[in-house]
């Protein structure tokens, strides 16, 4: 038998009229509100309507995020990530202009500078080859076989690359290895 808890410590008593078919209006019954340990379930709602509403909201969010981007960035994303959907956009007013951090549904993050050019791409699945200069790709392939590049960052000196094992490698703009970061 389930343990019954009395609500509202003290003597809160509600009175209700007895509805037993007799017209005994003068009879009253004291009822003490109680709850059981099991949660009370809410009345059923139209789950199909909820599902449709949730689906519409999910579709609207990426569309709204994409509309917030400049046309050059939208075109870039369509060209290089045709199967991905924008799920978030963070405008950033650093460095004297409007920059964008764009998040895709496949887990990729692309940062764009004030000129709408990418300056960082990060993906735990591996950065697409398009973003990695050939010299850097060759160096990584030769020295870190089967190691994915999870982040490429354009720097003032060239590129900073992060590998799946956490190593950060620096290269000049021609793809020549400069060293590792700690």
N, C-alpha and C. Protein backbone atom coordinates (compact mmCIF):
# COMPACT_ATOMS: atom_id res chain seq x y z
N UNK A 1 0.85 -1.19 0.00
CA UNK A 1 0.00 0.00 0.00
C UNK A 1 0.89 1.24 0.00
N UNK A 2 0.50 2.19 -0.77
CA UNK A 2 1.29 3.40 -0.93
C UNK A 2 1.11 4.29 0.30
N UNK A 3 2.19 4.88 0.66
CA UNK A 3 2.17 5.80 1.78
C UNK A 3 1.48 7.09 1.35
N UNK A 4 0.61 7.58 2.16
CA UNK A 4 -0.14 8.79 1.83
C UNK A 4 0.40 9.93 2.69
N UNK A 5 0.68 11.02 2.03
CA UNK A 5 1.21 12.20 2.72
C UNK A 5 0.11 13.25 2.84
N UNK A 6 0.06 13.89 3.94
CA UNK A 6 -0.92 14.95 4.15
C UNK A 6 -0.30 16.26 3.69
N UNK A 7 -1.02 16.97 2.82
CA UNK A 7 -0.54 18.27 2.35
C UNK A 7 -0.83 19.32 3.40
N UNK A 8 -0.06 20.31 3.33
CA UNK A 8 -0.25 21.50 4.16
C UNK A 8 -0.31 21.13 5.63
N UNK A 9 0.86 21.06 6.22
CA UNK A 9 0.91 20.73 7.64
C UNK A 9 0.01 21.70 8.38
N UNK A 10 -0.77 21.20 9.20
CA UNK A 10 -1.74 22.00 9.92
C UNK A 10 -3.12 21.49 9.65
N UNK A 11 -4.07 22.27 9.92
CA UNK A 11 -5.44 21.81 9.84
C UNK A 11 -6.20 22.53 8.74
N UNK A 12 -5.76 22.33 7.49
CA UNK A 12 -6.49 22.93 6.38
C UNK A 12 -7.58 21.94 6.00
N UNK A 13 -8.75 22.36 6.15
CA UNK A 13 -9.88 21.46 5.88
C UNK A 13 -10.82 22.15 4.93
N UNK A 14 -11.16 21.43 3.91
CA UNK A 14 -12.14 21.91 2.96
C UNK A 14 -13.46 21.21 3.22
N UNK A 15 -14.48 21.93 3.06
CA UNK A 15 -15.79 21.31 3.24
C UNK A 15 -16.49 21.20 1.91
N UNK A 16 -17.07 20.08 1.70
CA UNK A 16 -17.80 19.82 0.47
C UNK A 16 -19.20 19.32 0.83
N UNK A 17 -20.08 19.62 -0.02
CA UNK A 17 -21.44 19.11 0.20
C UNK A 17 -21.48 17.65 -0.19
N UNK A 18 -22.23 16.91 0.52
CA UNK A 18 -22.39 15.50 0.22
C UNK A 18 -23.37 15.36 -0.93
N UNK A 19 -23.00 14.58 -1.94
CA UNK A 19 -23.85 14.39 -3.12
C UNK A 19 -24.27 12.94 -3.20
N UNK A 20 -25.03 12.49 -2.28
CA UNK A 20 -25.41 11.09 -2.26
C UNK A 20 -26.85 10.87 -2.73
N UNK A 21 -27.42 11.82 -3.36
CA UNK A 21 -28.78 11.66 -3.86
C UNK A 21 -29.81 12.19 -2.88
N UNK A 22 -29.49 12.26 -1.61
CA UNK A 22 -30.40 12.84 -0.63
C UNK A 22 -30.17 14.33 -0.60
N UNK A 23 -31.12 15.04 -0.37
CA UNK A 23 -30.99 16.48 -0.32
C UNK A 23 -30.69 16.87 1.11
N UNK A 24 -29.56 16.46 1.58
CA UNK A 24 -29.15 16.79 2.94
C UNK A 24 -28.10 17.88 2.85
N UNK A 25 -28.50 19.08 2.56
CA UNK A 25 -27.58 20.19 2.42
C UNK A 25 -26.87 20.49 3.71
N UNK A 26 -27.48 20.11 4.79
CA UNK A 26 -26.87 20.43 6.07
C UNK A 26 -25.74 19.47 6.40
N UNK A 27 -25.72 18.30 5.72
CA UNK A 27 -24.62 17.36 5.97
C UNK A 27 -23.39 17.84 5.24
N UNK A 28 -22.29 17.86 5.91
CA UNK A 28 -21.04 18.25 5.31
C UNK A 28 -19.97 17.20 5.61
N UNK A 29 -19.03 17.11 4.72
CA UNK A 29 -17.98 16.12 4.89
C UNK A 29 -16.65 16.86 4.87
N UNK A 30 -15.80 16.57 5.82
CA UNK A 30 -14.48 17.17 5.86
C UNK A 30 -13.53 16.34 5.00
N UNK A 31 -12.81 17.02 4.13
CA UNK A 31 -11.85 16.34 3.26
C UNK A 31 -10.50 16.98 3.46
N UNK A 32 -9.48 16.18 3.73
CA UNK A 32 -8.12 16.67 3.88
C UNK A 32 -7.39 16.36 2.58
N UNK A 33 -6.85 17.37 1.92
CA UNK A 33 -6.15 17.11 0.66
C UNK A 33 -4.92 16.23 0.91
N UNK A 34 -4.72 15.24 0.06
CA UNK A 34 -3.57 14.34 0.17
C UNK A 34 -2.97 14.13 -1.20
N UNK A 35 -1.73 13.70 -1.20
CA UNK A 35 -1.09 13.31 -2.46
C UNK A 35 -0.48 11.94 -2.27
N UNK A 36 -0.37 11.24 -3.35
CA UNK A 36 0.33 9.96 -3.31
C UNK A 36 1.74 10.19 -3.81
N UNK A 37 2.62 9.21 -3.58
CA UNK A 37 4.00 9.35 -4.00
C UNK A 37 4.15 9.36 -5.51
N UNK A 38 3.23 8.74 -6.23
CA UNK A 38 3.32 8.74 -7.68
C UNK A 38 2.87 10.09 -8.21
N UNK A 39 3.57 10.60 -9.23
CA UNK A 39 3.16 11.89 -9.79
C UNK A 39 1.83 11.76 -10.51
N UNK A 40 1.09 12.83 -10.45
CA UNK A 40 -0.19 12.87 -11.16
C UNK A 40 0.11 13.19 -12.61
N UNK A 41 -0.45 12.44 -13.52
CA UNK A 41 -0.22 12.68 -14.93
C UNK A 41 -1.15 13.76 -15.44
N UNK A 42 -0.61 14.61 -16.28
CA UNK A 42 -1.41 15.68 -16.87
C UNK A 42 -2.37 15.09 -17.89
N UNK A 43 -3.39 15.84 -18.16
CA UNK A 43 -4.36 15.40 -19.16
C UNK A 43 -3.66 15.25 -20.50
N UNK A 44 -4.06 14.26 -21.28
CA UNK A 44 -3.40 14.07 -22.58
C UNK A 44 -3.60 15.28 -23.48
N UNK A 45 -2.57 15.56 -24.28
CA UNK A 45 -2.65 16.67 -25.23
C UNK A 45 -2.47 16.13 -26.63
N UNK A 46 -2.75 16.94 -27.59
CA UNK A 46 -2.65 16.52 -28.97
C UNK A 46 -1.17 16.46 -29.35
N UNK A 47 -0.59 15.26 -29.26
CA UNK A 47 0.85 15.10 -29.52
C UNK A 47 1.20 15.35 -30.96
N UNK A 48 0.30 15.11 -31.89
CA UNK A 48 0.59 15.39 -33.29
C UNK A 48 0.75 16.88 -33.52
N UNK A 49 -0.07 17.66 -32.85
CA UNK A 49 0.03 19.11 -32.98
C UNK A 49 1.35 19.60 -32.38
N UNK A 50 1.73 19.01 -31.23
CA UNK A 50 3.00 19.37 -30.61
C UNK A 50 4.17 19.01 -31.52
N UNK A 51 4.13 17.83 -32.10
CA UNK A 51 5.21 17.39 -32.99
C UNK A 51 5.32 18.32 -34.20
N UNK A 52 4.20 18.71 -34.75
CA UNK A 52 4.20 19.61 -35.91
C UNK A 52 4.77 20.96 -35.52
N UNK A 53 4.40 21.44 -34.34
CA UNK A 53 4.90 22.73 -33.87
C UNK A 53 6.41 22.67 -33.64
N UNK A 54 6.90 21.59 -33.03
CA UNK A 54 8.32 21.44 -32.78
C UNK A 54 9.09 21.37 -34.09
N UNK A 55 8.54 20.65 -35.05
CA UNK A 55 9.19 20.52 -36.35
C UNK A 55 9.26 21.87 -37.05
N UNK A 56 8.20 22.65 -36.95
CA UNK A 56 8.18 23.98 -37.57
C UNK A 56 9.21 24.89 -36.90
N UNK A 57 9.34 24.80 -35.57
CA UNK A 57 10.32 25.61 -34.86
C UNK A 57 11.74 25.22 -35.25
N UNK A 58 12.00 23.91 -35.39
CA UNK A 58 13.33 23.46 -35.79
C UNK A 58 13.66 23.94 -37.19
N UNK A 59 12.70 23.93 -38.08
CA UNK A 59 12.94 24.38 -39.45
C UNK A 59 13.13 25.89 -39.50
N UNK A 60 12.41 26.61 -38.65
CA UNK A 60 12.49 28.07 -38.66
C UNK A 60 13.82 28.57 -38.09
N UNK A 61 14.37 27.89 -37.09
CA UNK A 61 15.60 28.35 -36.46
C UNK A 61 16.76 28.39 -37.45
N UNK A 62 17.05 27.31 -38.19
CA UNK A 62 18.15 27.41 -39.16
C UNK A 62 17.88 28.43 -40.26
N UNK A 63 16.64 28.53 -40.70
CA UNK A 63 16.31 29.50 -41.74
C UNK A 63 16.58 30.91 -41.23
N UNK A 64 16.18 31.19 -39.99
CA UNK A 64 16.41 32.52 -39.41
C UNK A 64 17.90 32.77 -39.24
N UNK A 65 18.65 31.74 -38.82
CA UNK A 65 20.09 31.88 -38.64
C UNK A 65 20.77 32.18 -39.96
N UNK A 66 20.37 31.49 -41.01
CA UNK A 66 20.97 31.69 -42.32
C UNK A 66 20.64 33.08 -42.85
N UNK A 67 19.43 33.57 -42.60
CA UNK A 67 19.05 34.89 -43.07
C UNK A 67 19.87 35.98 -42.40
N UNK A 68 20.40 35.71 -41.21
CA UNK A 68 21.19 36.70 -40.49
C UNK A 68 22.60 36.83 -41.06
N UNK A 69 23.00 35.92 -41.95
CA UNK A 69 24.34 35.92 -42.52
C UNK A 69 24.41 36.74 -43.80
N UNK A 70 25.56 37.36 -44.06
CA UNK A 70 25.75 38.02 -45.35
C UNK A 70 25.69 36.99 -46.48
N UNK A 71 25.30 37.45 -47.65
CA UNK A 71 25.15 36.58 -48.81
C UNK A 71 26.43 35.83 -49.16
N UNK A 72 27.59 36.45 -48.99
CA UNK A 72 28.86 35.79 -49.33
C UNK A 72 29.09 34.57 -48.44
N UNK A 73 28.74 34.68 -47.16
CA UNK A 73 28.92 33.55 -46.25
C UNK A 73 27.91 32.45 -46.57
N UNK A 74 26.67 32.83 -46.85
CA UNK A 74 25.64 31.85 -47.21
C UNK A 74 26.05 31.08 -48.46
N UNK A 75 26.57 31.78 -49.47
CA UNK A 75 27.01 31.13 -50.70
C UNK A 75 28.19 30.19 -50.41
N UNK A 76 29.12 30.63 -49.58
CA UNK A 76 30.27 29.80 -49.20
C UNK A 76 29.81 28.52 -48.54
N UNK A 77 28.88 28.62 -47.62
CA UNK A 77 28.37 27.44 -46.90
C UNK A 77 27.67 26.48 -47.85
N UNK A 78 26.89 27.02 -48.77
CA UNK A 78 26.19 26.16 -49.75
C UNK A 78 27.20 25.43 -50.63
N UNK A 79 28.29 26.10 -50.98
CA UNK A 79 29.29 25.49 -51.85
C UNK A 79 30.10 24.42 -51.12
N UNK A 80 30.56 24.70 -49.89
CA UNK A 80 31.48 23.81 -49.21
C UNK A 80 30.83 22.87 -48.20
N UNK A 81 29.60 23.15 -47.81
CA UNK A 81 28.87 22.30 -46.86
C UNK A 81 27.43 22.12 -47.36
N UNK A 82 27.26 21.56 -48.56
CA UNK A 82 25.93 21.49 -49.16
C UNK A 82 24.93 20.63 -48.39
N UNK A 83 25.40 19.68 -47.61
CA UNK A 83 24.50 18.78 -46.88
C UNK A 83 24.29 19.19 -45.43
N UNK A 84 24.93 20.25 -45.01
CA UNK A 84 24.82 20.70 -43.62
C UNK A 84 23.81 21.84 -43.50
N UNK A 85 23.29 21.97 -42.31
CA UNK A 85 22.32 23.02 -42.01
C UNK A 85 22.90 23.93 -40.93
N UNK A 86 22.72 25.22 -41.07
CA UNK A 86 23.15 26.17 -40.06
C UNK A 86 22.20 26.05 -38.87
N UNK A 87 22.76 25.78 -37.70
CA UNK A 87 21.94 25.67 -36.49
C UNK A 87 22.18 26.81 -35.51
N UNK A 88 23.20 27.60 -35.78
CA UNK A 88 23.46 28.74 -34.91
C UNK A 88 24.42 29.73 -35.56
N UNK A 89 24.23 30.99 -35.22
CA UNK A 89 25.09 32.06 -35.71
C UNK A 89 25.36 33.00 -34.54
N UNK A 90 26.63 33.30 -34.32
CA UNK A 90 27.00 34.27 -33.30
C UNK A 90 27.70 35.44 -33.96
N UNK A 91 27.03 36.57 -34.08
CA UNK A 91 27.72 37.76 -34.59
C UNK A 91 28.71 38.25 -33.53
N UNK A 92 29.85 38.74 -33.96
CA UNK A 92 30.89 39.16 -33.04
C UNK A 92 31.46 40.49 -33.54
N UNK A 93 31.50 41.49 -32.70
CA UNK A 93 31.95 42.83 -33.09
C UNK A 93 33.40 43.08 -32.70
N UNK A 94 34.20 42.03 -32.61
CA UNK A 94 35.62 42.20 -32.27
C UNK A 94 36.43 42.65 -33.48
N UNK A 95 37.61 43.11 -33.21
CA UNK A 95 38.61 43.45 -34.23
C UNK A 95 38.11 44.50 -35.24
N UNK A 96 37.27 45.40 -34.82
CA UNK A 96 36.88 46.53 -35.65
C UNK A 96 35.87 46.26 -36.75
N UNK A 97 35.19 45.14 -36.72
CA UNK A 97 34.18 44.86 -37.72
C UNK A 97 33.27 43.72 -37.26
N UNK A 98 32.27 43.45 -38.05
CA UNK A 98 31.32 42.40 -37.70
C UNK A 98 31.82 41.06 -38.23
N UNK A 99 32.06 40.13 -37.30
CA UNK A 99 32.51 38.78 -37.62
C UNK A 99 31.40 37.81 -37.24
N UNK A 100 31.47 36.59 -37.77
CA UNK A 100 30.44 35.59 -37.51
C UNK A 100 31.06 34.25 -37.14
N UNK A 101 30.51 33.62 -36.11
CA UNK A 101 30.80 32.24 -35.79
C UNK A 101 29.57 31.45 -36.20
N UNK A 102 29.74 30.49 -37.11
CA UNK A 102 28.63 29.73 -37.66
C UNK A 102 28.74 28.28 -37.20
N UNK A 103 27.63 27.73 -36.71
CA UNK A 103 27.58 26.36 -36.21
C UNK A 103 26.68 25.54 -37.13
N UNK A 104 27.19 24.39 -37.58
CA UNK A 104 26.43 23.52 -38.47
C UNK A 104 25.93 22.29 -37.71
N UNK A 105 24.89 21.67 -38.26
CA UNK A 105 24.29 20.51 -37.60
C UNK A 105 25.20 19.29 -37.56
N UNK A 106 26.28 19.27 -38.33
CA UNK A 106 27.20 18.14 -38.30
C UNK A 106 28.32 18.34 -37.27
N UNK A 107 28.24 19.41 -36.47
CA UNK A 107 29.22 19.66 -35.43
C UNK A 107 30.37 20.56 -35.87
N UNK A 108 30.34 21.04 -37.09
CA UNK A 108 31.39 21.92 -37.60
C UNK A 108 31.13 23.36 -37.16
N UNK A 109 32.21 24.06 -36.80
CA UNK A 109 32.13 25.49 -36.50
C UNK A 109 33.07 26.20 -37.45
N UNK A 110 32.57 27.26 -38.08
CA UNK A 110 33.38 28.06 -38.99
C UNK A 110 33.30 29.51 -38.53
N UNK A 111 34.45 30.11 -38.36
CA UNK A 111 34.50 31.52 -37.97
C UNK A 111 34.88 32.34 -39.20
N UNK A 112 34.14 33.43 -39.40
CA UNK A 112 34.38 34.32 -40.54
C UNK A 112 34.84 35.68 -40.02
N UNK A 113 35.79 36.29 -40.71
CA UNK A 113 36.29 37.60 -40.31
C UNK A 113 35.36 38.71 -40.82
N UNK A 114 35.75 39.95 -40.59
CA UNK A 114 34.93 41.10 -40.99
C UNK A 114 34.78 41.23 -42.50
N UNK A 115 35.65 40.57 -43.27
CA UNK A 115 35.56 40.57 -44.73
C UNK A 115 34.80 39.36 -45.26
N UNK A 116 34.14 38.64 -44.37
CA UNK A 116 33.35 37.44 -44.69
C UNK A 116 34.22 36.30 -45.25
N UNK A 117 35.49 36.27 -44.85
CA UNK A 117 36.40 35.19 -45.22
C UNK A 117 36.58 34.28 -44.01
N UNK A 118 36.65 32.97 -44.23
CA UNK A 118 36.83 32.07 -43.09
C UNK A 118 38.21 32.29 -42.49
N UNK A 119 38.30 32.21 -41.17
CA UNK A 119 39.61 32.28 -40.53
C UNK A 119 39.84 31.13 -39.55
N UNK A 120 38.79 30.35 -39.30
CA UNK A 120 38.95 29.16 -38.46
C UNK A 120 37.85 28.16 -38.78
N UNK A 121 38.24 26.88 -38.86
CA UNK A 121 37.28 25.80 -39.07
C UNK A 121 37.62 24.71 -38.06
N UNK A 122 36.60 24.23 -37.38
CA UNK A 122 36.80 23.19 -36.37
C UNK A 122 35.74 22.12 -36.54
N UNK A 123 36.19 20.85 -36.54
CA UNK A 123 35.27 19.73 -36.65
C UNK A 123 35.92 18.50 -36.04
N UNK A 124 35.27 17.88 -35.09
CA UNK A 124 35.81 16.68 -34.45
C UNK A 124 35.88 15.52 -35.44
N UNK A 125 35.11 15.56 -36.50
CA UNK A 125 35.15 14.52 -37.54
C UNK A 125 36.35 14.71 -38.47
N UNK A 126 36.94 15.87 -38.43
CA UNK A 126 38.05 16.20 -39.31
C UNK A 126 37.66 17.35 -40.22
N UNK A 127 38.56 18.29 -40.37
CA UNK A 127 38.33 19.46 -41.21
C UNK A 127 38.38 19.02 -42.68
N UNK A 128 37.43 19.45 -43.50
CA UNK A 128 37.47 19.10 -44.92
C UNK A 128 38.79 19.54 -45.58
N UNK A 129 39.26 18.75 -46.53
CA UNK A 129 40.55 18.99 -47.20
C UNK A 129 40.63 20.36 -47.84
N UNK A 130 39.51 20.92 -48.27
CA UNK A 130 39.50 22.23 -48.92
C UNK A 130 40.22 23.29 -48.08
N UNK A 131 40.12 23.20 -46.76
CA UNK A 131 40.64 24.23 -45.87
C UNK A 131 42.12 24.06 -45.52
N UNK A 132 42.72 22.96 -45.93
CA UNK A 132 44.09 22.65 -45.53
C UNK A 132 45.01 22.77 -46.74
N UNK A 133 45.95 23.73 -46.70
CA UNK A 133 46.90 23.85 -47.81
C UNK A 133 47.65 22.53 -48.04
N UNK A 134 47.99 22.25 -49.29
CA UNK A 134 48.60 20.96 -49.65
C UNK A 134 49.88 20.68 -48.88
N UNK A 135 50.73 21.67 -48.69
CA UNK A 135 51.98 21.46 -47.95
C UNK A 135 51.72 20.98 -46.53
N UNK A 136 50.73 21.55 -45.91
CA UNK A 136 50.38 21.16 -44.54
C UNK A 136 49.79 19.75 -44.54
N UNK A 137 48.89 19.47 -45.47
CA UNK A 137 48.28 18.14 -45.56
C UNK A 137 49.37 17.08 -45.78
N UNK A 138 50.35 17.37 -46.64
CA UNK A 138 51.44 16.42 -46.90
C UNK A 138 52.28 16.19 -45.65
N UNK A 139 52.60 17.27 -44.93
CA UNK A 139 53.40 17.15 -43.71
C UNK A 139 52.67 16.29 -42.68
N UNK A 140 51.40 16.56 -42.47
CA UNK A 140 50.63 15.80 -41.48
C UNK A 140 50.53 14.34 -41.91
N UNK A 141 50.28 14.11 -43.17
CA UNK A 141 50.17 12.73 -43.68
C UNK A 141 51.48 11.96 -43.48
N UNK A 142 52.61 12.63 -43.70
CA UNK A 142 53.91 11.97 -43.57
C UNK A 142 54.33 11.75 -42.11
N UNK A 143 54.00 12.69 -41.25
CA UNK A 143 54.50 12.64 -39.87
C UNK A 143 53.48 12.17 -38.83
N UNK A 144 52.22 12.21 -39.17
CA UNK A 144 51.16 11.83 -38.23
C UNK A 144 50.12 10.99 -38.98
N UNK A 145 50.57 9.84 -39.44
CA UNK A 145 49.72 8.98 -40.26
C UNK A 145 48.40 8.69 -39.57
N UNK A 146 47.34 8.75 -40.36
CA UNK A 146 45.97 8.44 -39.90
C UNK A 146 45.49 9.36 -38.78
N UNK A 147 46.10 10.54 -38.64
CA UNK A 147 45.67 11.49 -37.61
C UNK A 147 44.86 12.60 -38.27
N UNK A 148 43.63 12.77 -37.83
CA UNK A 148 42.75 13.78 -38.41
C UNK A 148 43.15 15.18 -37.94
N UNK A 149 42.98 16.14 -38.82
CA UNK A 149 43.13 17.55 -38.47
C UNK A 149 41.74 18.01 -38.03
N UNK A 150 41.62 18.41 -36.77
CA UNK A 150 40.32 18.79 -36.23
C UNK A 150 40.10 20.30 -36.18
N UNK A 151 41.17 21.05 -36.43
CA UNK A 151 41.02 22.51 -36.40
C UNK A 151 42.11 23.13 -37.27
N UNK A 152 41.71 24.09 -38.08
CA UNK A 152 42.67 24.89 -38.84
C UNK A 152 42.34 26.35 -38.57
N UNK A 153 43.37 27.10 -38.24
CA UNK A 153 43.19 28.49 -37.86
C UNK A 153 44.19 29.34 -38.65
N UNK A 154 43.69 30.30 -39.42
CA UNK A 154 44.58 31.23 -40.11
C UNK A 154 45.15 32.20 -39.08
N UNK A 155 46.46 32.30 -39.06
CA UNK A 155 47.15 33.18 -38.12
C UNK A 155 47.93 34.23 -38.91
N UNK A 156 48.47 35.22 -38.24
CA UNK A 156 49.25 36.25 -38.93
C UNK A 156 50.49 35.66 -39.58
N UNK A 157 51.05 34.59 -39.00
CA UNK A 157 52.28 33.98 -39.55
C UNK A 157 51.98 32.86 -40.56
N UNK A 158 50.75 32.42 -40.62
CA UNK A 158 50.40 31.31 -41.50
C UNK A 158 49.19 30.55 -40.97
N UNK A 159 49.43 29.33 -40.50
CA UNK A 159 48.34 28.47 -40.04
C UNK A 159 48.71 27.77 -38.74
N UNK A 160 47.71 27.62 -37.89
CA UNK A 160 47.85 26.76 -36.72
C UNK A 160 46.88 25.61 -36.93
N UNK A 161 47.38 24.39 -36.78
CA UNK A 161 46.60 23.18 -37.01
C UNK A 161 46.51 22.43 -35.69
N UNK A 162 45.33 21.92 -35.37
CA UNK A 162 45.19 21.04 -34.22
C UNK A 162 44.84 19.65 -34.71
N UNK A 163 45.55 18.67 -34.19
CA UNK A 163 45.31 17.28 -34.56
C UNK A 163 44.35 16.63 -33.56
N UNK A 164 43.80 15.49 -33.94
CA UNK A 164 42.85 14.77 -33.08
C UNK A 164 43.47 14.37 -31.75
N UNK A 165 44.80 14.22 -31.70
CA UNK A 165 45.46 13.85 -30.44
C UNK A 165 45.77 15.07 -29.57
N UNK A 166 45.37 16.27 -30.02
CA UNK A 166 45.55 17.48 -29.23
C UNK A 166 46.79 18.29 -29.55
N UNK A 167 47.68 17.78 -30.40
CA UNK A 167 48.88 18.53 -30.77
C UNK A 167 48.52 19.73 -31.63
N UNK A 168 49.18 20.85 -31.35
CA UNK A 168 49.04 22.06 -32.16
C UNK A 168 50.32 22.26 -32.96
N UNK A 169 50.17 22.35 -34.28
CA UNK A 169 51.31 22.52 -35.17
C UNK A 169 51.19 23.86 -35.88
N UNK A 170 52.31 24.56 -36.00
CA UNK A 170 52.34 25.85 -36.68
C UNK A 170 53.07 25.74 -38.01
N UNK A 171 52.51 26.42 -39.03
CA UNK A 171 53.07 26.42 -40.37
C UNK A 171 53.08 27.85 -40.88
N UNK A 172 54.03 28.15 -41.75
CA UNK A 172 54.01 29.46 -42.39
C UNK A 172 52.98 29.44 -43.51
N UNK A 173 52.81 30.58 -44.18
CA UNK A 173 51.77 30.68 -45.20
C UNK A 173 52.03 29.81 -46.42
N UNK A 174 53.28 29.32 -46.59
CA UNK A 174 53.57 28.43 -47.71
C UNK A 174 53.45 26.95 -47.31
N UNK A 175 53.11 26.69 -46.06
CA UNK A 175 52.92 25.32 -45.60
C UNK A 175 54.15 24.68 -44.99
N UNK A 176 55.19 25.48 -44.72
CA UNK A 176 56.42 24.97 -44.11
C UNK A 176 56.22 24.87 -42.60
N UNK A 177 56.59 23.71 -42.04
CA UNK A 177 56.44 23.48 -40.60
C UNK A 177 57.34 24.42 -39.81
N UNK A 178 56.76 25.09 -38.79
CA UNK A 178 57.50 26.02 -37.94
C UNK A 178 57.76 25.47 -36.55
N UNK A 179 56.87 24.62 -36.06
CA UNK A 179 57.04 24.08 -34.71
C UNK A 179 55.71 23.71 -34.08
N UNK A 180 55.81 23.25 -32.84
CA UNK A 180 54.62 22.85 -32.08
C UNK A 180 54.36 23.84 -30.96
N UNK A 181 53.09 23.97 -30.62
CA UNK A 181 52.71 24.74 -29.44
C UNK A 181 52.55 23.78 -28.26
N UNK A 182 52.78 24.31 -27.09
CA UNK A 182 52.57 23.50 -25.89
C UNK A 182 51.14 23.50 -25.48
